[in-house]
Amino acid sequence: MAYLALLVLVVTLLLIIYAYRYTNHSRSLSTLTSPPKEDEIVPVSVNYVFTRHCNADCKFCFHTETSSYKLPLSEAENGLRLLAEAGMKKINFAGGEPFLYPKYLGALCRYCKDDLGLESVSIVSNGTKVTEKWLKEYGSAVDILAISCDSTNPETNKAIGRKDRGSGEAFDNVKSLFQIKEWCQQCGIRFKLNTVVCSLNWEETMADMVQKLDPFRWKVFQVLVVVGENENDARKRNARDFLITDAQYEDFCSRHKHLKCMIPEPNKSMKSSYLLVDEYMRFLDKGDGDEKVSDSILEVGVQKAIKQVRWDQEEFHNRGGVYNWNSAAEKTNSCVGGSGDKKLEW
């Protein structure tokens, strides 16, 4: 009888614990999905630059290494939770180079996908620190991996600054692209390509490489100068030597317009249309004039912080800021079509 009574007590306690956890989980889901108030801004898609540290030396970088700070993991997760409660559905981790902190990055991806249940988790990287081991360990929590490549010519990439900051050796950027794409296919991650068009590559034709690589999206950016980051020699970077005219940018895009995965983003589309959060969990406005910085959302909350900067929501939607961004989505924007499961070669 004593044993039976003890068993009943244990079962009762387990049921109470389960009910408590279920109630709290339901409340959490309700908080994340509750409709916004009329005056609230919904941060649907956020770019979190959790580190400015980078192993490359890209001359036109507009988010330079002015700080080596990185939030403790628990504080970063708290900020991401606040953003999710405010309506964030997609998070993009950028830098700097996020893969310089593989365990930290992996933990953030899992938290966003498994705990917050975000629709899409993506990463932008220069590709030099991406490993098959990391993708196999954390790939289930990643929907999109974007790799930057500005030229098919190694010397051009080196001149742009896609080289190791320590040794000065150029990265084998193109070869690594095809290896990473193959790993992404194996892990069910959608592969994306980013290119910045500047004075050193605007006359180039990258169509052959892009067709073989077959990314589901190819973002083609116009090199951008941001006051306070890369506007003159007093800064860590001076992008003015890499500027091109609108006509030169349009010439590059026109040469690749037959690739349906290409998504042009000239300066007019980029300015203030991205929601950027820096290493201190502050919103950034890299639009016209000096870069603007909000208070940290950890201190004042999402709504007060987001209203301290300009986010051009109309331009965000016009440039296709919302799209099929989940890894389970059907691949409809392929450059060449097909399943893309063949061995990649370049």
C-alpha atoms as a PDB file:
ATOM      1  CA  MET A   1       0.000   0.000   0.000  1.00  0.00           C
ATOM      2  CA  ALA A   2       2.821   2.383   0.837  1.00  0.00           C
ATOM      3  CA  TYR A   3       4.420   1.684  -2.560  1.00  0.00           C
ATOM      4  CA  LEU A   4       1.113   2.323  -4.353  1.00  0.00           C
ATOM      5  CA  ALA A   5       0.597   5.579  -2.482  1.00  0.00           C
ATOM      6  CA  LEU A   6       4.117   6.694  -3.384  1.00  0.00           C
ATOM      7  CA  LEU A   7       3.512   5.828  -7.042  1.00  0.00           C
ATOM      8  CA  VAL A   8       0.284   7.841  -7.079  1.00  0.00           C
ATOM      9  CA  LEU A   9       2.101  10.782  -5.510  1.00  0.00           C
ATOM     10  CA  VAL A  10       4.881  10.671  -8.122  1.00  0.00           C
ATOM     11  CA  VAL A  11       2.412  10.458 -11.000  1.00  0.00           C
ATOM     12  CA  THR A  12       0.422  13.372  -9.567  1.00  0.00           C
ATOM     13  CA  LEU A  13       3.548  15.494  -9.263  1.00  0.00           C
ATOM     14  CA  LEU A  14       4.545  14.689 -12.853  1.00  0.00           C
ATOM     15  CA  LEU A  15       1.099  15.693 -14.092  1.00  0.00           C
ATOM     16  CA  ILE A  16       1.307  18.997 -12.180  1.00  0.00           C
ATOM     17  CA  ILE A  17       4.756  19.743 -13.653  1.00  0.00           C
ATOM     18  CA  TYR A  18       3.548  18.895 -17.177  1.00  0.00           C
ATOM     19  CA  ALA A  19       0.464  21.093 -16.793  1.00  0.00           C
ATOM     20  CA  TYR A  20       2.609  23.978 -15.537  1.00  0.00           C
ATOM     21  CA  ARG A  21       5.046  23.703 -18.431  1.00  0.00           C
ATOM     22  CA  TYR A  22       2.249  23.345 -20.995  1.00  0.00           C
ATOM     23  CA  THR A  23       0.492  26.434 -19.636  1.00  0.00           C
ATOM     24  CA  ASN A  24       3.674  28.506 -19.730  1.00  0.00           C
ATOM     25  CA  HIS A  25       4.530  27.255 -23.245  1.00  0.00           C
ATOM     26  CA  SER A  26       1.043  28.156 -24.447  1.00  0.00           C
ATOM     27  CA  ARG A  27       1.415  31.610 -22.936  1.00  0.00           C
ATOM     28  CA  SER A  28       4.775  32.008 -24.663  1.00  0.00           C
ATOM     29  CA  LEU A  29       3.298  31.043 -28.034  1.00  0.00           C
ATOM     30  CA  SER A  30       0.380  33.385 -27.448  1.00  0.00           C
ATOM     31  CA  THR A  31       2.814  36.224 -26.732  1.00  0.00           C
ATOM     32  CA  LEU A  32       4.809  35.548 -29.892  1.00  0.00           C
ATOM     33  CA  THR A  33       1.756  35.406 -32.131  1.00  0.00           C
ATOM     34  CA  SER A  34      -0.402  38.139 -30.562  1.00  0.00           C
ATOM     35  CA  PRO A  35      -1.413  40.846 -33.062  1.00  0.00           C
ATOM     36  CA  PRO A  36       0.527  44.150 -32.869  1.00  0.00           C
ATOM     37  CA  LYS A  37      -1.039  47.328 -31.548  1.00  0.00           C
ATOM     38  CA  GLU A  38      -1.973  49.994 -34.079  1.00  0.00           C
ATOM     39  CA  ASP A  39       1.096  52.203 -33.435  1.00  0.00           C
ATOM     40  CA  GLU A  40       3.607  49.339 -33.221  1.00  0.00           C
ATOM     41  CA  ILE A  41       6.214  48.592 -35.884  1.00  0.00           C
ATOM     42  CA  VAL A  42       6.583  44.893 -36.666  1.00  0.00           C
ATOM     43  CA  PRO A  43      10.244  43.889 -37.290  1.00  0.00           C
ATOM     44  CA  VAL A  44       9.358  41.098 -39.705  1.00  0.00           C
ATOM     45  CA  SER A  45      12.908  40.484 -40.938  1.00  0.00           C
ATOM     46  CA  VAL A  46      15.975  41.415 -38.889  1.00  0.00           C
ATOM     47  CA  ASN A  47      19.696  41.332 -39.674  1.00  0.00           C
ATOM     48  CA  TYR A  48      21.620  40.731 -36.464  1.00  0.00           C
ATOM     49  CA  VAL A  49      25.301  41.637 -36.778  1.00  0.00           C
ATOM     50  CA  PHE A  50      26.426  40.058 -33.516  1.00  0.00           C
ATOM     51  CA  THR A  51      30.115  40.614 -34.290  1.00  0.00           C
ATOM     52  CA  ARG A  52      32.163  43.109 -36.279  1.00  0.00           C
ATOM     53  CA  HIS A  53      35.219  40.852 -36.125  1.00  0.00           C
ATOM     54  CA  CYS A  54      36.259  39.540 -39.545  1.00  0.00           C
ATOM     55  CA  ASN A  55      39.147  37.592 -41.074  1.00  0.00           C
ATOM     56  CA  ALA A  56      38.837  39.331 -44.464  1.00  0.00           C
ATOM     57  CA  ASP A  57      39.851  42.817 -45.556  1.00  0.00           C
ATOM     58  CA  CYS A  58      37.117  43.891 -47.978  1.00  0.00           C
ATOM     59  CA  LYS A  59      37.863  47.486 -48.930  1.00  0.00           C
ATOM     60  CA  PHE A  60      34.235  48.581 -49.335  1.00  0.00           C
ATOM     61  CA  CYS A  61      32.885  47.054 -46.098  1.00  0.00           C
ATOM     62  CA  PHE A  62      30.238  49.339 -44.557  1.00  0.00           C
ATOM     63  CA  HIS A  63      30.111  47.570 -41.187  1.00  0.00           C
ATOM     64  CA  THR A  64      33.740  47.786 -40.129  1.00  0.00           C
ATOM     65  CA  GLU A  65      35.543  46.370 -37.116  1.00  0.00           C
ATOM     66  CA  THR A  66      35.179  49.388 -34.837  1.00  0.00           C
ATOM     67  CA  SER A  67      34.392  47.118 -31.902  1.00  0.00           C
ATOM     68  CA  SER A  68      35.385  43.638 -30.735  1.00  0.00           C
ATOM     69  CA  TYR A  69      32.336  43.348 -28.471  1.00  0.00           C
ATOM     70  CA  LYS A  70      30.001  40.375 -28.517  1.00  0.00           C
ATOM     71  CA  LEU A  71      27.029  39.990 -26.169  1.00  0.00           C
ATOM     72  CA  PRO A  72      26.974  37.095 -23.695  1.00  0.00           C
ATOM     73  CA  LEU A  73      24.850  34.329 -25.197  1.00  0.00           C
ATOM     74  CA  SER A  74      22.027  34.697 -22.658  1.00  0.00           C
ATOM     75  CA  GLU A  75      21.693  38.433 -23.403  1.00  0.00           C
ATOM     76  CA  ALA A  76      21.728  37.840 -27.148  1.00  0.00           C
ATOM     77  CA  GLU A  77      18.982  35.238 -26.743  1.00  0.00           C
ATOM     78  CA  ASN A  78      16.965  37.658 -24.614  1.00  0.00           C
ATOM     79  CA  GLY A  79      17.188  40.294 -27.344  1.00  0.00           C
ATOM     80  CA  LEU A  80      16.121  37.785 -29.991  1.00  0.00           C
ATOM     81  CA  ARG A  81      13.170  36.757 -27.811  1.00  0.00           C
ATOM     82  CA  LEU A  82      12.076  40.395 -27.542  1.00  0.00           C
ATOM     83  CA  LEU A  83      12.283  40.740 -31.323  1.00  0.00           C
ATOM     84  CA  ALA A  84      10.240  37.551 -31.819  1.00  0.00           C
ATOM     85  CA  GLU A  85       7.605  38.810 -29.388  1.00  0.00           C
ATOM     86  CA  ALA A  86       7.434  42.000 -31.471  1.00  0.00           C
ATOM     87  CA  GLY A  87       6.711  39.986 -34.626  1.00  0.00           C
ATOM     88  CA  MET A  88      10.075  38.959 -36.101  1.00  0.00           C
ATOM     89  CA  LYS A  89       9.666  35.971 -38.432  1.00  0.00           C
ATOM     90  CA  LYS A  90      13.092  35.869 -40.079  1.00  0.00           C
ATOM     91  CA  ILE A  91      16.538  36.380 -38.586  1.00  0.00           C
ATOM     92  CA  ASN A  92      19.735  36.790 -40.576  1.00  0.00           C
ATOM     93  CA  PHE A  93      23.083  36.481 -38.783  1.00  0.00           C
ATOM     94  CA  ALA A  94      25.821  38.580 -40.351  1.00  0.00           C
ATOM     95  CA  GLY A  95      29.061  40.333 -39.494  1.00  0.00           C
ATOM     96  CA  GLY A  96      31.881  40.705 -39.562  1.00  0.00           C
ATOM     97  CA  GLU A  97      32.247  36.989 -40.085  1.00  0.00           C
ATOM     98  CA  PRO A  98      29.770  35.015 -37.941  1.00  0.00           C
ATOM     99  CA  PHE A  99      31.573  31.679 -38.437  1.00  0.00           C
ATOM    100  CA  LEU A 100      34.528  32.973 -36.424  1.00  0.00           C
ATOM    101  CA  TYR A 101      32.327  32.007 -33.441  1.00  0.00           C
ATOM    102  CA  PRO A 102      30.927  28.631 -34.551  1.00  0.00           C
ATOM    103  CA  LYS A 103      29.485  27.415 -31.222  1.00  0.00           C
ATOM    104  CA  TYR A 104      27.962  30.804 -30.432  1.00  0.00           C
ATOM    105  CA  LEU A 105      26.444  31.013 -33.922  1.00  0.00           C
ATOM    106  CA  GLY A 106      25.151  27.446 -33.693  1.00  0.00           C
ATOM    107  CA  ALA A 107      23.524  28.118 -30.331  1.00  0.00           C
ATOM    108  CA  LEU A 108      21.780  31.237 -31.678  1.00  0.00           C
ATOM    109  CA  CYS A 109      20.495  29.359 -34.724  1.00  0.00           C
ATOM    110  CA  ARG A 110      19.051  26.570 -32.578  1.00  0.00           C
ATOM    111  CA  TYR A 111      17.485  29.036 -30.167  1.00  0.00           C
ATOM    112  CA  CYS A 112      15.785  30.937 -32.985  1.00  0.00           C
ATOM    113  CA  LYS A 113      14.522  27.836 -34.764  1.00  0.00           C
ATOM    114  CA  ASP A 114      13.745  25.463 -31.875  1.00  0.00           C
ATOM    115  CA  ASP A 115      12.817  27.794 -29.004  1.00  0.00           C
ATOM    116  CA  LEU A 116      11.408  30.820 -30.799  1.00  0.00           C
ATOM    117  CA  GLY A 117      10.043  28.848 -33.751  1.00  0.00           C
ATOM    118  CA  LEU A 118      11.032  31.465 -36.342  1.00  0.00           C
ATOM    119  CA  GLU A 119      10.005  30.814 -39.938  1.00  0.00           C
ATOM    120  CA  SER A 120      13.502  31.406 -41.282  1.00  0.00           C
ATOM    121  CA  VAL A 121      17.048  31.428 -39.935  1.00  0.00           C
ATOM    122  CA  SER A 122      19.748  32.570 -42.353  1.00  0.00           C
ATOM    123  CA  ILE A 123      23.457  33.379 -42.266  1.00  0.00           C
ATOM    124  CA  VAL A 124      25.683  35.579 -44.442  1.00  0.00           C
ATOM    125  CA  SER A 125      29.329  34.540 -44.586  1.00  0.00           C
ATOM    126  CA  ASN A 126      32.480  34.981 -46.648  1.00  0.00           C
ATOM    127  CA  GLY A 127      32.642  31.175 -46.694  1.00  0.00           C
ATOM    128  CA  THR A 128      36.177  30.787 -45.374  1.00  0.00           C
ATOM    129  CA  LYS A 129      35.207  29.292 -42.007  1.00  0.00           C
ATOM    130  CA  VAL A 130      32.185  27.223 -43.049  1.00  0.00           C
ATOM    131  CA  THR A 131      32.765  23.518 -42.384  1.00  0.00           C
ATOM    132  CA  GLU A 132      30.887  20.349 -43.213  1.00  0.00           C
ATOM    133  CA  LYS A 133      31.010  19.380 -39.537  1.00  0.00           C
ATOM    134  CA  TRP A 134      29.245  22.589 -38.463  1.00  0.00           C
ATOM    135  CA  LEU A 135      26.547  22.229 -41.099  1.00  0.00           C
ATOM    136  CA  LYS A 136      25.862  18.631 -40.094  1.00  0.00           C
ATOM    137  CA  GLU A 137      25.652  19.627 -36.419  1.00  0.00           C
ATOM    138  CA  TYR A 138      23.572  22.786 -36.730  1.00  0.00           C
ATOM    139  CA  GLY A 139      22.156  22.653 -40.256  1.00  0.00           C
ATOM    140  CA  SER A 140      18.719  21.507 -39.093  1.00  0.00           C
ATOM    141  CA  ALA A 141      18.301  24.976 -37.543  1.00  0.00           C
ATOM    142  CA  VAL A 142      19.383  26.871 -40.680  1.00  0.00           C
ATOM    143  CA  ASP A 143      17.148  27.641 -43.656  1.00  0.00           C
ATOM    144  CA  ILE A 144      19.462  29.759 -45.813  1.00  0.00           C
ATOM    145  CA  LEU A 145      23.222  30.144 -46.106  1.00  0.00           C
ATOM    146  CA  ALA A 146      24.434  33.095 -48.197  1.00  0.00           C
ATOM    147  CA  ILE A 147      28.064  33.241 -49.336  1.00  0.00           C
ATOM    148  CA  SER A 148      29.713  36.388 -50.683  1.00  0.00           C
ATOM    149  CA  CYS A 149      31.680  36.291 -53.938  1.00  0.00           C
ATOM    150  CA  ASP A 150      32.411  39.347 -56.067  1.00  0.00           C
ATOM    151  CA  SER A 151      34.394  37.882 -58.952  1.00  0.00           C
ATOM    152  CA  THR A 152      35.373  34.669 -60.708  1.00  0.00           C
ATOM    153  CA  ASN A 153      38.924  36.060 -60.942  1.00  0.00           C
ATOM    154  CA  PRO A 154      41.084  35.328 -57.852  1.00  0.00           C
ATOM    155  CA  GLU A 155      43.201  38.435 -58.457  1.00  0.00           C
ATOM    156  CA  THR A 156      40.119  40.645 -58.559  1.00  0.00           C
ATOM    157  CA  ASN A 157      38.831  39.120 -55.334  1.00  0.00           C
ATOM    158  CA  LYS A 158      42.224  39.734 -53.740  1.00  0.00           C
ATOM    159  CA  ALA A 159      42.290  43.368 -54.914  1.00  0.00           C
ATOM    160  CA  ILE A 160      38.800  43.859 -53.470  1.00  0.00           C
ATOM    161  CA  GLY A 161      40.132  42.550 -50.160  1.00  0.00           C
ATOM    162  CA  ARG A 162      38.734  39.030 -50.033  1.00  0.00           C
ATOM    163  CA  LYS A 163      41.976  37.773 -48.545  1.00  0.00           C
ATOM    164  CA  ASP A 164      43.187  36.691 -45.131  1.00  0.00           C
ATOM    165  CA  ARG A 165      43.929  39.721 -42.977  1.00  0.00           C
ATOM    166  CA  GLY A 166      46.802  37.936 -41.286  1.00  0.00           C
ATOM    167  CA  SER A 167      48.702  36.316 -44.141  1.00  0.00           C
ATOM    168  CA  GLY A 168      47.431  38.477 -47.001  1.00  0.00           C
ATOM    169  CA  GLU A 169      46.744  35.345 -49.048  1.00  0.00           C
ATOM    170  CA  ALA A 170      43.695  35.379 -51.311  1.00  0.00           C
ATOM    171  CA  PHE A 171      40.795  33.109 -50.434  1.00  0.00           C
ATOM    172  CA  ASP A 172      39.950  30.416 -52.967  1.00  0.00           C
ATOM    173  CA  ASN A 173      36.506  31.957 -53.061  1.00  0.00           C
ATOM    174  CA  VAL A 174      35.062  30.301 -56.155  1.00  0.00           C
ATOM    175  CA  LYS A 175      36.170  26.753 -55.320  1.00  0.00           C
ATOM    176  CA  SER A 176      34.785  27.026 -51.798  1.00  0.00           C
ATOM    177  CA  LEU A 177      31.418  28.169 -53.169  1.00  0.00           C
ATOM    178  CA  PHE A 178      30.838  24.878 -54.930  1.00  0.00           C
ATOM    179  CA  GLN A 179      31.929  22.846 -51.935  1.00  0.00           C
ATOM    180  CA  ILE A 180      29.626  24.759 -49.595  1.00  0.00           C
ATOM    181  CA  LYS A 181      26.727  24.475 -52.056  1.00  0.00           C
ATOM    182  CA  GLU A 182      27.201  20.695 -52.075  1.00  0.00           C
ATOM    183  CA  TRP A 183      27.172  20.567 -48.274  1.00  0.00           C
ATOM    184  CA  CYS A 184      24.023  22.706 -48.208  1.00  0.00           C
ATOM    185  CA  GLN A 185      22.281  20.283 -50.562  1.00  0.00           C
ATOM    186  CA  GLN A 186      23.172  17.384 -48.270  1.00  0.00           C
ATOM    187  CA  CYS A 187      21.855  19.240 -45.206  1.00  0.00           C
ATOM    188  CA  GLY A 188      18.671  20.645 -46.763  1.00  0.00           C
ATOM    189  CA  ILE A 189      19.833  24.267 -46.573  1.00  0.00           C
ATOM    190  CA  ARG A 190      18.957  26.720 -49.335  1.00  0.00           C
ATOM    191  CA  PHE A 191      22.070  28.232 -50.909  1.00  0.00           C
ATOM    192  CA  LYS A 192      22.247  31.935 -51.710  1.00  0.00           C
ATOM    193  CA  LEU A 193      24.924  34.057 -53.400  1.00  0.00           C
ATOM    194  CA  ASN A 194      25.811  37.701 -52.641  1.00  0.00           C
ATOM    195  CA  THR A 195      27.855  39.962 -54.924  1.00  0.00           C
ATOM    196  CA  VAL A 196      28.886  43.596 -54.484  1.00  0.00           C
ATOM    197  CA  VAL A 197      29.386  45.408 -57.791  1.00  0.00           C
ATOM    198  CA  CYS A 198      32.221  47.933 -57.616  1.00  0.00           C
ATOM    199  CA  SER A 199      34.847  49.635 -59.777  1.00  0.00           C
ATOM    200  CA  LEU A 200      36.915  46.433 -60.022  1.00  0.00           C
ATOM    201  CA  ASN A 201      34.227  44.016 -61.230  1.00  0.00           C
ATOM    202  CA  TRP A 202      31.423  45.967 -62.911  1.00  0.00           C
ATOM    203  CA  GLU A 203      32.641  44.972 -66.405  1.00  0.00           C
ATOM    204  CA  GLU A 204      32.858  41.282 -65.517  1.00  0.00           C
ATOM    205  CA  THR A 205      30.495  38.535 -66.630  1.00  0.00           C
ATOM    206  CA  MET A 206      29.743  36.000 -63.880  1.00  0.00           C
ATOM    207  CA  ALA A 207      26.867  34.247 -65.630  1.00  0.00           C
ATOM    208  CA  ASP A 208      28.663  30.962 -66.339  1.00  0.00           C
ATOM    209  CA  MET A 209      29.697  30.484 -62.715  1.00  0.00           C
ATOM    210  CA  VAL A 210      26.296  31.496 -61.351  1.00  0.00           C
ATOM    211  CA  GLN A 211      24.477  29.126 -63.717  1.00  0.00           C
ATOM    212  CA  LYS A 212      26.671  26.223 -62.617  1.00  0.00           C
ATOM    213  CA  LEU A 213      26.330  27.164 -58.958  1.00  0.00           C
ATOM    214  CA  ASP A 214      22.548  27.578 -59.270  1.00  0.00           C
ATOM    215  CA  PRO A 215      21.708  29.540 -56.094  1.00  0.00           C
ATOM    216  CA  PHE A 216      18.042  29.993 -55.286  1.00  0.00           C
ATOM    217  CA  ARG A 217      18.748  33.748 -54.958  1.00  0.00           C
ATOM    218  CA  TRP A 218      21.622  35.893 -56.189  1.00  0.00           C
ATOM    219  CA  LYS A 219      21.684  39.292 -54.503  1.00  0.00           C
ATOM    220  CA  VAL A 220      23.585  41.860 -56.576  1.00  0.00           C
ATOM    221  CA  PHE A 221      24.389  44.955 -54.522  1.00  0.00           C
ATOM    222  CA  GLN A 222      25.781  48.313 -55.613  1.00  0.00           C
ATOM    223  CA  VAL A 223      28.786  49.320 -53.488  1.00  0.00           C
ATOM    224  CA  LEU A 224      27.591  51.663 -50.738  1.00  0.00           C
ATOM    225  CA  VAL A 225      29.286  54.458 -48.781  1.00  0.00           C
ATOM    226  CA  VAL A 226      28.059  54.920 -45.195  1.00  0.00           C
ATOM    227  CA  VAL A 227      29.123  58.015 -43.299  1.00  0.00           C
ATOM    228  CA  GLY A 228      30.867  56.958 -40.122  1.00  0.00           C
ATOM    229  CA  GLU A 229      31.966  53.612 -41.544  1.00  0.00           C
ATOM    230  CA  ASN A 230      33.759  53.780 -44.907  1.00  0.00           C
ATOM    231  CA  GLU A 231      33.572  57.287 -46.350  1.00  0.00           C
ATOM    232  CA  ASN A 232      37.234  58.430 -46.173  1.00  0.00           C
ATOM    233  CA  ASP A 233      40.783  57.525 -45.195  1.00  0.00           C
ATOM    234  CA  ALA A 234      40.120  58.460 -41.573  1.00  0.00           C
ATOM    235  CA  ARG A 235      38.007  55.305 -41.289  1.00  0.00           C
ATOM    236  CA  LYS A 236      39.123  51.680 -41.338  1.00  0.00           C
ATOM    237  CA  ARG A 237      37.776  51.460 -44.887  1.00  0.00           C
ATOM    238  CA  ASN A 238      37.448  53.987 -47.697  1.00  0.00           C
ATOM    239  CA  ALA A 239      34.918  52.767 -50.239  1.00  0.00           C
ATOM    240  CA  ARG A 240      35.018  55.880 -52.403  1.00  0.00           C
ATOM    241  CA  ASP A 241      37.746  54.405 -54.608  1.00  0.00           C
ATOM    242  CA  PHE A 242      35.359  51.535 -55.405  1.00  0.00           C
ATOM    243  CA  LEU A 243      32.276  53.585 -56.260  1.00  0.00           C
ATOM    244  CA  ILE A 244      30.566  53.164 -59.628  1.00  0.00           C
ATOM    245  CA  THR A 245      27.928  55.161 -61.438  1.00  0.00           C
ATOM    246  CA  ASP A 246      24.318  54.011 -61.597  1.00  0.00           C
ATOM    247  CA  ALA A 247      24.857  53.395 -65.325  1.00  0.00           C
ATOM    248  CA  GLN A 248      27.814  51.088 -64.632  1.00  0.00           C
ATOM    249  CA  TYR A 249      25.797  49.175 -62.064  1.00  0.00           C
ATOM    250  CA  GLU A 250      22.886  48.847 -64.485  1.00  0.00           C
ATOM    251  CA  ASP A 251      25.299  47.622 -67.152  1.00  0.00           C
ATOM    252  CA  PHE A 252      26.415  44.759 -64.898  1.00  0.00           C
ATOM    253  CA  CYS A 253      22.810  43.853 -64.083  1.00  0.00           C
ATOM    254  CA  SER A 254      21.749  44.026 -67.717  1.00  0.00           C
ATOM    255  CA  ARG A 255      24.493  41.567 -68.640  1.00  0.00           C
ATOM    256  CA  HIS A 256      23.040  39.048 -66.176  1.00  0.00           C
ATOM    257  CA  LYS A 257      19.320  39.774 -66.434  1.00  0.00           C
ATOM    258  CA  HIS A 258      18.641  36.387 -68.099  1.00  0.00           C
ATOM    259  CA  LEU A 259      19.401  34.720 -64.741  1.00  0.00           C
ATOM    260  CA  LYS A 260      16.055  34.674 -62.975  1.00  0.00           C
ATOM    261  CA  CYS A 261      17.695  34.144 -59.586  1.00  0.00           C
ATOM    262  CA  MET A 262      19.354  37.581 -59.823  1.00  0.00           C
ATOM    263  CA  ILE A 263      17.927  40.229 -57.510  1.00  0.00           C
ATOM    264  CA  PRO A 264      19.432  43.697 -58.107  1.00  0.00           C
ATOM    265  CA  GLU A 265      19.714  45.996 -55.104  1.00  0.00           C
ATOM    266  CA  PRO A 266      21.037  49.451 -56.048  1.00  0.00           C
ATOM    267  CA  ASN A 267      21.847  51.983 -53.353  1.00  0.00           C
ATOM    268  CA  LYS A 268      18.376  53.521 -53.476  1.00  0.00           C
ATOM    269  CA  SER A 269      16.881  50.149 -52.514  1.00  0.00           C
ATOM    270  CA  MET A 270      19.402  49.358 -49.788  1.00  0.00           C
ATOM    271  CA  LYS A 271      19.314  52.617 -47.858  1.00  0.00           C
ATOM    272  CA  SER A 272      17.124  52.310 -44.764  1.00  0.00           C
ATOM    273  CA  SER A 273      15.230  49.283 -46.131  1.00  0.00           C
ATOM    274  CA  TYR A 274      17.125  46.811 -43.928  1.00  0.00           C
ATOM    275  CA  LEU A 275      16.473  46.401 -40.215  1.00  0.00           C
ATOM    276  CA  LEU A 276      19.971  46.101 -38.778  1.00  0.00           C
ATOM    277  CA  VAL A 277      20.759  45.231 -35.169  1.00  0.00           C
ATOM    278  CA  ASP A 278      24.345  45.635 -34.008  1.00  0.00           C
ATOM    279  CA  GLU A 279      26.504  43.834 -31.447  1.00  0.00           C
ATOM    280  CA  TYR A 280      24.905  45.827 -28.592  1.00  0.00           C
ATOM    281  CA  MET A 281      21.348  44.987 -29.725  1.00  0.00           C
ATOM    282  CA  ARG A 282      20.828  48.497 -31.120  1.00  0.00           C
ATOM    283  CA  PHE A 283      19.004  49.296 -34.360  1.00  0.00           C
ATOM    284  CA  LEU A 284      21.156  50.936 -37.036  1.00  0.00           C
ATOM    285  CA  ASP A 285      20.135  53.303 -39.813  1.00  0.00           C
ATOM    286  CA  LYS A 286      22.739  53.331 -42.598  1.00  0.00           C
ATOM    287  CA  GLY A 287      20.673  55.543 -44.879  1.00  0.00           C
ATOM    288  CA  ASP A 288      21.456  59.090 -46.025  1.00  0.00           C
ATOM    289  CA  GLY A 289      23.784  61.147 -43.830  1.00  0.00           C
ATOM    290  CA  ASP A 290      25.504  59.969 -40.671  1.00  0.00           C
ATOM    291  CA  GLU A 291      24.780  56.462 -39.423  1.00  0.00           C
ATOM    292  CA  LYS A 292      22.109  56.580 -36.717  1.00  0.00           C
ATOM    293  CA  VAL A 293      22.052  54.272 -33.693  1.00  0.00           C
ATOM    294  CA  SER A 294      19.144  53.541 -31.347  1.00  0.00           C
ATOM    295  CA  ASP A 295      19.205  52.678 -27.675  1.00  0.00           C
ATOM    296  CA  SER A 296      19.635  48.978 -26.961  1.00  0.00           C
ATOM    297  CA  ILE A 297      16.402  47.002 -27.124  1.00  0.00           C
ATOM    298  CA  LEU A 298      17.639  45.209 -23.993  1.00  0.00           C
ATOM    299  CA  GLU A 299      17.297  48.520 -22.149  1.00  0.00           C
ATOM    300  CA  VAL A 300      14.317  50.281 -23.735  1.00  0.00           C
ATOM    301  CA  GLY A 301      12.455  47.499 -25.569  1.00  0.00           C
ATOM    302  CA  VAL A 302      11.866  46.914 -29.280  1.00  0.00           C
ATOM    303  CA  GLN A 303       9.221  49.557 -29.970  1.00  0.00           C
ATOM    304  CA  LYS A 304      11.047  52.498 -28.425  1.00  0.00           C
ATOM    305  CA  ALA A 305      14.349  51.500 -30.035  1.00  0.00           C
ATOM    306  CA  ILE A 306      12.967  50.847 -33.524  1.00  0.00           C
ATOM    307  CA  LYS A 307      11.250  54.249 -33.603  1.00  0.00           C
ATOM    308  CA  GLN A 308      14.604  55.960 -33.007  1.00  0.00           C
ATOM    309  CA  VAL A 309      15.810  54.989 -36.506  1.00  0.00           C
ATOM    310  CA  ARG A 310      14.280  55.088 -39.970  1.00  0.00           C
ATOM    311  CA  TRP A 311      13.111  51.822 -41.485  1.00  0.00           C
ATOM    312  CA  ASP A 312      11.660  52.268 -44.963  1.00  0.00           C
ATOM    313  CA  GLN A 313       8.998  49.563 -44.837  1.00  0.00           C
ATOM    314  CA  GLU A 314       7.648  50.448 -48.277  1.00  0.00           C
ATOM    315  CA  GLU A 315      11.061  49.993 -49.892  1.00  0.00           C
ATOM    316  CA  PHE A 316      11.577  46.822 -47.840  1.00  0.00           C
ATOM    317  CA  HIS A 317       8.512  45.306 -49.496  1.00  0.00           C
ATOM    318  CA  ASN A 318       9.300  46.812 -52.923  1.00  0.00           C
ATOM    319  CA  ARG A 319      12.722  45.145 -53.030  1.00  0.00           C
ATOM    320  CA  GLY A 320      11.176  41.774 -52.177  1.00  0.00           C
ATOM    321  CA  GLY A 321      12.088  41.706 -48.494  1.00  0.00           C
ATOM    322  CA  VAL A 322       9.401  39.086 -47.874  1.00  0.00           C
ATOM    323  CA  TYR A 323       9.738  35.932 -49.969  1.00  0.00           C
ATOM    324  CA  ASN A 324       9.693  32.137 -49.702  1.00  0.00           C
ATOM    325  CA  TRP A 325      12.395  32.078 -47.044  1.00  0.00           C
ATOM    326  CA  ASN A 326      11.917  28.698 -45.372  1.00  0.00           C
ATOM    327  CA  SER A 327      14.191  25.808 -46.348  1.00  0.00           C
ATOM    328  CA  ALA A 328      11.123  23.622 -46.878  1.00  0.00           C
ATOM    329  CA  ALA A 329       9.804  25.998 -49.542  1.00  0.00           C
ATOM    330  CA  GLU A 330       9.713  24.718 -53.116  1.00  0.00           C
ATOM    331  CA  LYS A 331      12.726  25.912 -55.083  1.00  0.00           C
ATOM    332  CA  THR A 332      11.135  28.103 -57.722  1.00  0.00           C
ATOM    333  CA  ASN A 333      13.829  30.741 -58.254  1.00  0.00           C
ATOM    334  CA  SER A 334      16.538  28.459 -59.577  1.00  0.00           C
ATOM    335  CA  CYS A 335      18.733  29.946 -62.292  1.00  0.00           C
ATOM    336  CA  VAL A 336      18.696  26.779 -64.353  1.00  0.00           C
ATOM    337  CA  GLY A 337      15.907  24.680 -62.841  1.00  0.00           C
ATOM    338  CA  GLY A 338      16.045  21.043 -61.847  1.00  0.00           C
ATOM    339  CA  SER A 339      16.741  19.492 -58.486  1.00  0.00           C
ATOM    340  CA  GLY A 340      20.359  20.537 -58.460  1.00  0.00           C
ATOM    341  CA  ASP A 341      21.489  17.310 -56.782  1.00  0.00           C
ATOM    342  CA  LYS A 342      24.231  16.610 -59.259  1.00  0.00           C
ATOM    343  CA  LYS A 343      27.902  16.810 -58.303  1.00  0.00           C
ATOM    344  CA  LEU A 344      28.994  20.433 -58.608  1.00  0.00           C
ATOM    345  CA  GLU A 345      32.090  21.296 -60.579  1.00  0.00           C
ATOM    346  CA  TRP A 346      33.874  24.480 -61.538  1.00  0.00           C
END
